[in-house]
């Protein structure tokens, strides 16, 4: 029988780790990985819970729900600017004034419910899956390349891609509701519980909630990769620098968290801005009316590559607030739950 390929083994181990197989397969060869994955299938949910540290999921859910919730007004302005550039074309401050004059202060809280619930679930899975898969990919890659090569960064990237994809599937229905509430007058008075069934009815079934999945992936995977990996790497570098200077990392750990989070926000904004534009354009009207590449073509046709970066200024403020607060909260909650600060170990 043919031995599984290396790429197949990677996927196999990723799935296996979520069911508690990481310890058994971390240093296995391709054939042993397949056998371990088969064994895992009968392990059941109890093995999953035993080997997954719930604290990462709790910290991720708390930080994502909080950070996205408090920045909802900024997100409303940014989304309106992207969805209606012909109306809101004079910058963020003018857009804010126009929204307040036209729709009142309550409009700035549009989509708050879907935002908190959706990003709470998404954050829990994104941070949790990322932390669970990091050691799995690191062990796997260490067995596939020369022992002299450091596979840490590659493992972090691989884990972040998988985590971003998982989170995208979970977030898609909530984001469908949020963007429709913010951009469609027919949904402006709806909350999460009324918007979701209304979307299902208006757009032709449950599948309509996932009509923007490819657009969601185009935003969330680069966003997750840039945010998670840069936060880990920058924090690790800062702690290493403090160690070499014989400085007390405990006294400066909050400065490390804030600086690392700020740098991560810049990377995440730049990497995910085109995907964010695609996502907003996808949900602007009937989600199923255009293909993913059709939406990309429309955006490009309006102004070339620069059009994908419309609203970047507003988004830098938005993403900067979200990620800086999110990652600092994540570190705080982790430490309250008995986990070490990011990059300190």
Foldseek 3Di string as FASTA:
>chain_A
DDFDDLVVLLVLLLVLLQLQLLVVPLQPDRNVSVVSSVVSVPSPPVNNVVRFDQLQLQLQLVLQLVLQLVLQLLVLLLLCCLLCVVVPVPDSVVSSVVCCVPPNPVLSNQLNQLRNVLRSNLRSQQRRQLVSQQSSQQSSVCNVDDVPDRCNLVSSLVSLLVSLLVSLVSNQLSVLQRLCCSQPPVNVPPYSVVSSVVQQVVQPHPVQSCLCSVLSSLQRSQLSSLQRSQLQVQLLVVLVVCVVVVHDCVVCVLVSLLVSQQNSLVSSLVRRQLSVSLSSQCSSDRNNPDDSVRSVVVQCVVPHPVSSCPSSVSVSVSSSSSRSSSRSSSQVSCVVVPHHGRNND
